[in-house]
């Protein structure tokens, strides 16, 4: 099986972009939490906090996927050479 297509993007760049996105997401999650704290409607506050958690969880999964991609590509390029 030729995996060169799968490893099209340089692994270092993928991790760099994942870190940039993780930082931006962290800023957004913090802003959502601040909005939730200032919300007078408890239901809206709960929804905002739930959205912040979902966003943080999804971002954590994306970062983990980037790490796996890095490990797989590192193994592939060092074994296949």
PDB file of N, CA and C in Angstrom:
ATOM      1  N   UNK A   1       0.855  -1.188   0.000  1.00  0.00           N
ATOM      2  CA  UNK A   1       0.000   0.000   0.000  1.00  0.00           C
ATOM      3  C   UNK A   1       0.894   1.242   0.000  1.00  0.00           C
ATOM      4  N   UNK A   2       0.619   2.145  -0.904  1.00  0.00           N
ATOM      5  CA  UNK A   2       1.394   3.382  -0.988  1.00  0.00           C
ATOM      6  C   UNK A   2       0.728   4.449  -0.120  1.00  0.00           C
ATOM      7  N   UNK A   3       1.403   4.819   0.962  1.00  0.00           N
ATOM      8  CA  UNK A   3       0.831   5.781   1.901  1.00  0.00           C
ATOM      9  C   UNK A   3       1.292   7.212   1.650  1.00  0.00           C
ATOM     10  N   UNK A   4       2.051   7.444   0.596  1.00  0.00           N
ATOM     11  CA  UNK A   4       2.540   8.807   0.355  1.00  0.00           C
ATOM     12  C   UNK A   4       1.390   9.793   0.177  1.00  0.00           C
ATOM     13  N   UNK A   5       0.281   9.360  -0.394  1.00  0.00           N
ATOM     14  CA  UNK A   5      -0.867  10.245  -0.542  1.00  0.00           C
ATOM     15  C   UNK A   5      -1.429  10.628   0.820  1.00  0.00           C
ATOM     16  N   UNK A   6      -1.463   9.656   1.744  1.00  0.00           N
ATOM     17  CA  UNK A   6      -1.982   9.905   3.081  1.00  0.00           C
ATOM     18  C   UNK A   6      -1.131  10.938   3.811  1.00  0.00           C
ATOM     19  N   UNK A   7       0.178  10.893   3.604  1.00  0.00           N
ATOM     20  CA  UNK A   7       1.091  11.802   4.285  1.00  0.00           C
ATOM     21  C   UNK A   7       1.471  12.965   3.368  1.00  0.00           C
ATOM     22  N   UNK A   8       0.484  13.550   2.746  1.00  0.00           N
ATOM     23  CA  UNK A   8       0.688  14.637   1.795  1.00  0.00           C
ATOM     24  C   UNK A   8       1.230  15.893   2.463  1.00  0.00           C
ATOM     25  N   UNK A   9       0.720  16.225   3.636  1.00  0.00           N
ATOM     26  CA  UNK A   9       1.126  17.444   4.326  1.00  0.00           C
ATOM     27  C   UNK A   9       2.319  17.159   5.230  1.00  0.00           C
ATOM     28  N   UNK A  10       3.276  18.063   5.276  1.00  0.00           N
ATOM     29  CA  UNK A  10       4.420  17.856   6.174  1.00  0.00           C
ATOM     30  C   UNK A  10       3.941  17.740   7.621  1.00  0.00           C
ATOM     31  N   UNK A  11       4.392  16.722   8.325  1.00  0.00           N
ATOM     32  CA  UNK A  11       3.904  16.492   9.683  1.00  0.00           C
ATOM     33  C   UNK A  11       4.153  17.669  10.624  1.00  0.00           C
ATOM     34  N   UNK A  12       5.285  18.296  10.528  1.00  0.00           N
ATOM     35  CA  UNK A  12       5.582  19.435  11.385  1.00  0.00           C
ATOM     36  C   UNK A  12       4.600  20.573  11.177  1.00  0.00           C
ATOM     37  N   UNK A  13       4.210  20.788   9.942  1.00  0.00           N
ATOM     38  CA  UNK A  13       3.256  21.853   9.629  1.00  0.00           C
ATOM     39  C   UNK A  13       1.877  21.519  10.180  1.00  0.00           C
ATOM     40  N   UNK A  14       1.498  20.256  10.117  1.00  0.00           N
ATOM     41  CA  UNK A  14       0.206  19.842  10.666  1.00  0.00           C
ATOM     42  C   UNK A  14       0.159  20.111  12.170  1.00  0.00           C
ATOM     43  N   UNK A  15       1.229  19.774  12.861  1.00  0.00           N
ATOM     44  CA  UNK A  15       1.272  19.989  14.310  1.00  0.00           C
ATOM     45  C   UNK A  15       1.280  21.486  14.611  1.00  0.00           C
ATOM     46  N   UNK A  16       2.026  22.259  13.831  1.00  0.00           N
ATOM     47  CA  UNK A  16       2.072  23.709  14.034  1.00  0.00           C
ATOM     48  C   UNK A  16       0.680  24.326  13.873  1.00  0.00           C
ATOM     49  N   UNK A  17      -0.028  23.919  12.834  1.00  0.00           N
ATOM     50  CA  UNK A  17      -1.378  24.438  12.599  1.00  0.00           C
ATOM     51  C   UNK A  17      -2.339  23.977  13.702  1.00  0.00           C
ATOM     52  N   UNK A  18      -2.170  22.752  14.181  1.00  0.00           N
ATOM     53  CA  UNK A  18      -3.017  22.257  15.273  1.00  0.00           C
ATOM     54  C   UNK A  18      -2.801  23.096  16.529  1.00  0.00           C
ATOM     55  N   UNK A  19      -1.572  23.468  16.807  1.00  0.00           N
ATOM     56  CA  UNK A  19      -1.283  24.298  17.977  1.00  0.00           C
ATOM     57  C   UNK A  19      -1.891  25.685  17.837  1.00  0.00           C
ATOM     58  N   UNK A  20      -1.810  26.256  16.646  1.00  0.00           N
ATOM     59  CA  UNK A  20      -2.405  27.575  16.400  1.00  0.00           C
ATOM     60  C   UNK A  20      -3.917  27.510  16.617  1.00  0.00           C
ATOM     61  N   UNK A  21      -4.530  26.481  16.059  1.00  0.00           N
ATOM     62  CA  UNK A  21      -5.981  26.319  16.212  1.00  0.00           C
ATOM     63  C   UNK A  21      -6.352  26.071  17.668  1.00  0.00           C
ATOM     64  N   UNK A  22      -5.545  25.290  18.374  1.00  0.00           N
ATOM     65  CA  UNK A  22      -5.822  25.013  19.787  1.00  0.00           C
ATOM     66  C   UNK A  22      -5.770  26.300  20.609  1.00  0.00           C
ATOM     67  N   UNK A  23      -4.816  27.176  20.325  1.00  0.00           N
ATOM     68  CA  UNK A  23      -4.726  28.435  21.068  1.00  0.00           C
ATOM     69  C   UNK A  23      -5.923  29.335  20.763  1.00  0.00           C
ATOM     70  N   UNK A  24      -6.296  29.414  19.496  1.00  0.00           N
ATOM     71  CA  UNK A  24      -7.457  30.227  19.121  1.00  0.00           C
ATOM     72  C   UNK A  24      -8.730  29.671  19.759  1.00  0.00           C
ATOM     73  N   UNK A  25      -8.843  28.359  19.786  1.00  0.00           N
ATOM     74  CA  UNK A  25     -10.008  27.727  20.394  1.00  0.00           C
ATOM     75  C   UNK A  25     -10.039  27.987  21.898  1.00  0.00           C
ATOM     76  N   UNK A  26      -8.887  27.929  22.536  1.00  0.00           N
ATOM     77  CA  UNK A  26      -8.806  28.212  23.965  1.00  0.00           C
ATOM     78  C   UNK A  26      -9.297  29.624  24.266  1.00  0.00           C
ATOM     79  N   UNK A  27      -8.878  30.567  23.435  1.00  0.00           N
ATOM     80  CA  UNK A  27      -9.345  31.948  23.598  1.00  0.00           C
ATOM     81  C   UNK A  27     -10.860  32.032  23.445  1.00  0.00           C
ATOM     82  N   UNK A  28     -11.391  31.326  22.452  1.00  0.00           N
ATOM     83  CA  UNK A  28     -12.836  31.336  22.214  1.00  0.00           C
ATOM     84  C   UNK A  28     -13.587  30.675  23.374  1.00  0.00           C
ATOM     85  N   UNK A  29     -13.085  29.548  23.866  1.00  0.00           N
ATOM     86  CA  UNK A  29     -13.722  28.867  25.000  1.00  0.00           C
ATOM     87  C   UNK A  29     -13.760  29.794  26.211  1.00  0.00           C
ATOM     88  N   UNK A  30     -12.656  30.483  26.475  1.00  0.00           N
ATOM     89  CA  UNK A  30     -12.620  31.416  27.604  1.00  0.00           C
ATOM     90  C   UNK A  30     -13.622  32.559  27.422  1.00  0.00           C
ATOM     91  N   UNK A  31     -13.748  33.058  26.199  1.00  0.00           N
ATOM     92  CA  UNK A  31     -14.711  34.130  25.928  1.00  0.00           C
ATOM     93  C   UNK A  31     -16.145  33.628  26.130  1.00  0.00           C
ATOM     94  N   UNK A  32     -16.408  32.407  25.689  1.00  0.00           N
ATOM     95  CA  UNK A  32     -17.749  31.831  25.869  1.00  0.00           C
ATOM     96  C   UNK A  32     -18.059  31.674  27.358  1.00  0.00           C
ATOM     97  N   UNK A  33     -17.072  31.211  28.117  1.00  0.00           N
ATOM     98  CA  UNK A  33     -17.273  31.053  29.567  1.00  0.00           C
ATOM     99  C   UNK A  33     -17.545  32.402  30.229  1.00  0.00           C
ATOM    100  N   UNK A  34     -16.841  33.433  29.805  1.00  0.00           N
ATOM    101  CA  UNK A  34     -17.081  34.760  30.367  1.00  0.00           C
ATOM    102  C   UNK A  34     -18.494  35.234  30.031  1.00  0.00           C
ATOM    103  N   UNK A  35     -18.937  34.986  28.801  1.00  0.00           N
ATOM    104  CA  UNK A  35     -20.308  35.331  28.422  1.00  0.00           C
ATOM    105  C   UNK A  35     -21.313  34.573  29.280  1.00  0.00           C
ATOM    106  N   UNK A  36     -21.022  33.303  29.535  1.00  0.00           N
ATOM    107  CA  UNK A  36     -21.929  32.484  30.344  1.00  0.00           C
ATOM    108  C   UNK A  36     -22.033  33.027  31.766  1.00  0.00           C
ATOM    109  N   UNK A  37     -20.900  33.474  32.307  1.00  0.00           N
ATOM    110  CA  UNK A  37     -20.909  34.028  33.666  1.00  0.00           C
ATOM    111  C   UNK A  37     -21.742  35.308  33.748  1.00  0.00           C
ATOM    112  N   UNK A  38     -21.746  36.085  32.675  1.00  0.00           N
ATOM    113  CA  UNK A  38     -22.488  37.335  32.665  1.00  0.00           C
ATOM    114  C   UNK A  38     -23.937  37.188  32.246  1.00  0.00           C
ATOM    115  N   UNK A  39     -24.323  35.997  31.861  1.00  0.00           N
ATOM    116  CA  UNK A  39     -25.685  35.736  31.380  1.00  0.00           C
ATOM    117  C   UNK A  39     -26.650  35.648  32.557  1.00  0.00           C
ATOM    118  N   UNK A  40     -27.731  36.398  32.472  1.00  0.00           N
ATOM    119  CA  UNK A  40     -28.724  36.368  33.556  1.00  0.00           C
ATOM    120  C   UNK A  40     -29.681  35.178  33.426  1.00  0.00           C
ATOM    121  N   UNK A  41     -29.881  34.721  32.219  1.00  0.00           N
ATOM    122  CA  UNK A  41     -30.761  33.567  31.974  1.00  0.00           C
ATOM    123  C   UNK A  41     -29.953  32.286  32.226  1.00  0.00           C
ATOM    124  N   UNK A  42     -30.344  31.518  33.230  1.00  0.00           N
ATOM    125  CA  UNK A  42     -29.605  30.315  33.608  1.00  0.00           C
ATOM    126  C   UNK A  42     -29.564  29.272  32.493  1.00  0.00           C
ATOM    127  N   UNK A  43     -30.644  29.171  31.739  1.00  0.00           N
ATOM    128  CA  UNK A  43     -30.672  28.205  30.630  1.00  0.00           C
ATOM    129  C   UNK A  43     -29.667  28.599  29.546  1.00  0.00           C
ATOM    130  N   UNK A  44     -29.618  29.880  29.223  1.00  0.00           N
ATOM    131  CA  UNK A  44     -28.634  30.341  28.236  1.00  0.00           C
ATOM    132  C   UNK A  44     -27.213  30.139  28.754  1.00  0.00           C
ATOM    133  N   UNK A  45     -27.003  30.385  30.025  1.00  0.00           N
ATOM    134  CA  UNK A  45     -25.690  30.178  30.632  1.00  0.00           C
ATOM    135  C   UNK A  45     -25.280  28.714  30.524  1.00  0.00           C
ATOM    136  N   UNK A  46     -26.211  27.832  30.819  1.00  0.00           N
ATOM    137  CA  UNK A  46     -25.939  26.394  30.729  1.00  0.00           C
ATOM    138  C   UNK A  46     -25.597  25.984  29.296  1.00  0.00           C
ATOM    139  N   UNK A  47     -26.329  26.524  28.327  1.00  0.00           N
ATOM    140  CA  UNK A  47     -26.081  26.208  26.914  1.00  0.00           C
ATOM    141  C   UNK A  47     -24.707  26.714  26.480  1.00  0.00           C
ATOM    142  N   UNK A  48     -24.343  27.913  26.922  1.00  0.00           N
ATOM    143  CA  UNK A  48     -23.023  28.446  26.582  1.00  0.00           C
ATOM    144  C   UNK A  48     -21.907  27.589  27.164  1.00  0.00           C
ATOM    145  N   UNK A  49     -22.060  27.207  28.422  1.00  0.00           N
ATOM    146  CA  UNK A  49     -21.043  26.364  29.050  1.00  0.00           C
ATOM    147  C   UNK A  49     -20.954  24.999  28.381  1.00  0.00           C
ATOM    148  N   UNK A  50     -22.090  24.464  27.969  1.00  0.00           N
ATOM    149  CA  UNK A  50     -22.101  23.196  27.252  1.00  0.00           C
ATOM    150  C   UNK A  50     -21.389  23.329  25.903  1.00  0.00           C
ATOM    151  N   UNK A  51     -21.644  24.421  25.203  1.00  0.00           N
ATOM    152  CA  UNK A  51     -20.983  24.661  23.913  1.00  0.00           C
ATOM    153  C   UNK A  51     -19.479  24.807  24.102  1.00  0.00           C
ATOM    154  N   UNK A  52     -19.068  25.501  25.159  1.00  0.00           N
ATOM    155  CA  UNK A  52     -17.641  25.673  25.436  1.00  0.00           C
ATOM    156  C   UNK A  52     -16.982  24.319  25.686  1.00  0.00           C
ATOM    157  N   UNK A  53     -17.667  23.451  26.434  1.00  0.00           N
ATOM    158  CA  UNK A  53     -17.109  22.125  26.711  1.00  0.00           C
ATOM    159  C   UNK A  53     -17.010  21.289  25.444  1.00  0.00           C
ATOM    160  N   UNK A  54     -18.051  21.313  24.619  1.00  0.00           N
ATOM    161  CA  UNK A  54     -18.014  20.567  23.361  1.00  0.00           C
ATOM    162  C   UNK A  54     -16.877  21.044  22.465  1.00  0.00           C
ATOM    163  N   UNK A  55     -16.700  22.357  22.396  1.00  0.00           N
ATOM    164  CA  UNK A  55     -15.629  22.921  21.578  1.00  0.00           C
ATOM    165  C   UNK A  55     -14.261  22.515  22.116  1.00  0.00           C
ATOM    166  N   UNK A  56     -14.089  22.579  23.422  1.00  0.00           N
ATOM    167  CA  UNK A  56     -12.811  22.196  24.032  1.00  0.00           C
ATOM    168  C   UNK A  56     -12.534  20.709  23.804  1.00  0.00           C
ATOM    169  N   UNK A  57     -13.543  19.871  23.952  1.00  0.00           N
ATOM    170  CA  UNK A  57     -13.370  18.431  23.743  1.00  0.00           C
ATOM    171  C   UNK A  57     -13.020  18.119  22.287  1.00  0.00           C
ATOM    172  N   UNK A  58     -13.701  18.760  21.365  1.00  0.00           N
ATOM    173  CA  UNK A  58     -13.422  18.531  19.944  1.00  0.00           C
ATOM    174  C   UNK A  58     -12.004  18.978  19.593  1.00  0.00           C
ATOM    175  N   UNK A  59     -11.578  20.079  20.168  1.00  0.00           N
ATOM    176  CA  UNK A  59     -10.227  20.569  19.905  1.00  0.00           C
ATOM    177  C   UNK A  59      -9.187  19.609  20.471  1.00  0.00           C
ATOM    178  N   UNK A  60      -9.437  19.079  21.646  1.00  0.00           N
ATOM    179  CA  UNK A  60      -8.512  18.112  22.238  1.00  0.00           C
ATOM    180  C   UNK A  60      -8.385  16.881  21.333  1.00  0.00           C
ATOM    181  N   UNK A  61      -9.489  16.441  20.759  1.00  0.00           N
ATOM    182  CA  UNK A  61      -9.451  15.299  19.836  1.00  0.00           C
ATOM    183  C   UNK A  61      -8.658  15.639  18.578  1.00  0.00           C
ATOM    184  N   UNK A  62      -8.818  16.851  18.082  1.00  0.00           N
ATOM    185  CA  UNK A  62      -8.080  17.275  16.890  1.00  0.00           C
ATOM    186  C   UNK A  62      -6.581  17.304  17.171  1.00  0.00           C
ATOM    187  N   UNK A  63      -6.182  17.826  18.327  1.00  0.00           N
ATOM    188  CA  UNK A  63      -4.767  17.876  18.691  1.00  0.00           C
ATOM    189  C   UNK A  63      -4.217  16.452  18.811  1.00  0.00           C
ATOM    190  N   UNK A  64      -4.984  15.567  19.415  1.00  0.00           N
ATOM    191  CA  UNK A  64      -4.545  14.178  19.537  1.00  0.00           C
ATOM    192  C   UNK A  64      -4.388  13.536  18.159  1.00  0.00           C
ATOM    193  N   UNK A  65      -5.302  13.823  17.251  1.00  0.00           N
ATOM    194  CA  UNK A  65      -5.203  13.294  15.889  1.00  0.00           C
ATOM    195  C   UNK A  65      -3.953  13.821  15.194  1.00  0.00           C
ATOM    196  N   UNK A  66      -3.608  15.065  15.403  1.00  0.00           N
ATOM    197  CA  UNK A  66      -2.394  15.632  14.814  1.00  0.00           C
ATOM    198  C   UNK A  66      -1.154  14.936  15.367  1.00  0.00           C
ATOM    199  N   UNK A  67      -1.176  14.614  16.654  1.00  0.00           N
ATOM    200  CA  UNK A  67      -0.045  13.902  17.259  1.00  0.00           C
ATOM    201  C   UNK A  67       0.090  12.504  16.666  1.00  0.00           C
ATOM    202  N   UNK A  68      -1.043  11.825  16.493  1.00  0.00           N
ATOM    203  CA  UNK A  68      -1.019  10.491  15.892  1.00  0.00           C
ATOM    204  C   UNK A  68      -0.492  10.586  14.465  1.00  0.00           C
ATOM    205  N   UNK A  69      -0.953  11.573  13.715  1.00  0.00           N
ATOM    206  CA  UNK A  69      -0.484  11.798  12.349  1.00  0.00           C
ATOM    207  C   UNK A  69       1.030  11.989  12.344  1.00  0.00           C
ATOM    208  N   UNK A  70       1.529  12.777  13.294  1.00  0.00           N
ATOM    209  CA  UNK A  70       2.963  13.019  13.381  1.00  0.00           C
ATOM    210  C   UNK A  70       3.707  11.714  13.642  1.00  0.00           C
ATOM    211  N   UNK A  71       3.221  10.929  14.585  1.00  0.00           N
ATOM    212  CA  UNK A  71       3.873   9.649  14.895  1.00  0.00           C
ATOM    213  C   UNK A  71       3.834   8.693  13.706  1.00  0.00           C
ATOM    214  N   UNK A  72       2.684   8.586  13.063  1.00  0.00           N
ATOM    215  CA  UNK A  72       2.563   7.692  11.911  1.00  0.00           C
ATOM    216  C   UNK A  72       3.449   8.135  10.762  1.00  0.00           C
ATOM    217  N   UNK A  73       3.466   9.428  10.483  1.00  0.00           N
ATOM    218  CA  UNK A  73       4.279   9.912   9.370  1.00  0.00           C
ATOM    219  C   UNK A  73       5.755   9.761   9.684  1.00  0.00           C
ATOM    220  N   UNK A  74       6.143   9.983  10.937  1.00  0.00           N
ATOM    221  CA  UNK A  74       7.541   9.812  11.331  1.00  0.00           C
ATOM    222  C   UNK A  74       7.948   8.358  11.115  1.00  0.00           C
ATOM    223  N   UNK A  75       7.109   7.433  11.572  1.00  0.00           N
ATOM    224  CA  UNK A  75       7.390   6.007  11.396  1.00  0.00           C
ATOM    225  C   UNK A  75       7.443   5.641   9.920  1.00  0.00           C
ATOM    226  N   UNK A  76       6.487   6.133   9.150  1.00  0.00           N
ATOM    227  CA  UNK A  76       6.418   5.797   7.732  1.00  0.00           C
ATOM    228  C   UNK A  76       7.652   6.276   6.984  1.00  0.00           C
ATOM    229  N   UNK A  77       8.035   7.536   7.184  1.00  0.00           N
ATOM    230  CA  UNK A  77       9.143   8.080   6.426  1.00  0.00           C
ATOM    231  C   UNK A  77      10.483   7.508   6.868  1.00  0.00           C
ATOM    232  N   UNK A  78      10.596   7.074   8.104  1.00  0.00           N
ATOM    233  CA  UNK A  78      11.866   6.504   8.543  1.00  0.00           C
ATOM    234  C   UNK A  78      11.973   5.005   8.227  1.00  0.00           C
ATOM    235  N   UNK A  79      10.841   4.337   8.126  1.00  0.00           N
ATOM    236  CA  UNK A  79      10.862   2.912   7.781  1.00  0.00           C
ATOM    237  C   UNK A  79      10.951   2.736   6.280  1.00  0.00           C
ATOM    238  N   UNK A  80      10.301   3.603   5.521  1.00  0.00           N
ATOM    239  CA  UNK A  80      10.220   3.414   4.063  1.00  0.00           C
ATOM    240  C   UNK A  80      11.460   3.894   3.334  1.00  0.00           C
ATOM    241  N   UNK A  81      12.337   4.596   4.000  1.00  0.00           N
ATOM    242  CA  UNK A  81      13.535   5.102   3.312  1.00  0.00           C
ATOM    243  C   UNK A  81      14.622   4.045   3.227  1.00  0.00           C
TER     244      UNK A  81
END
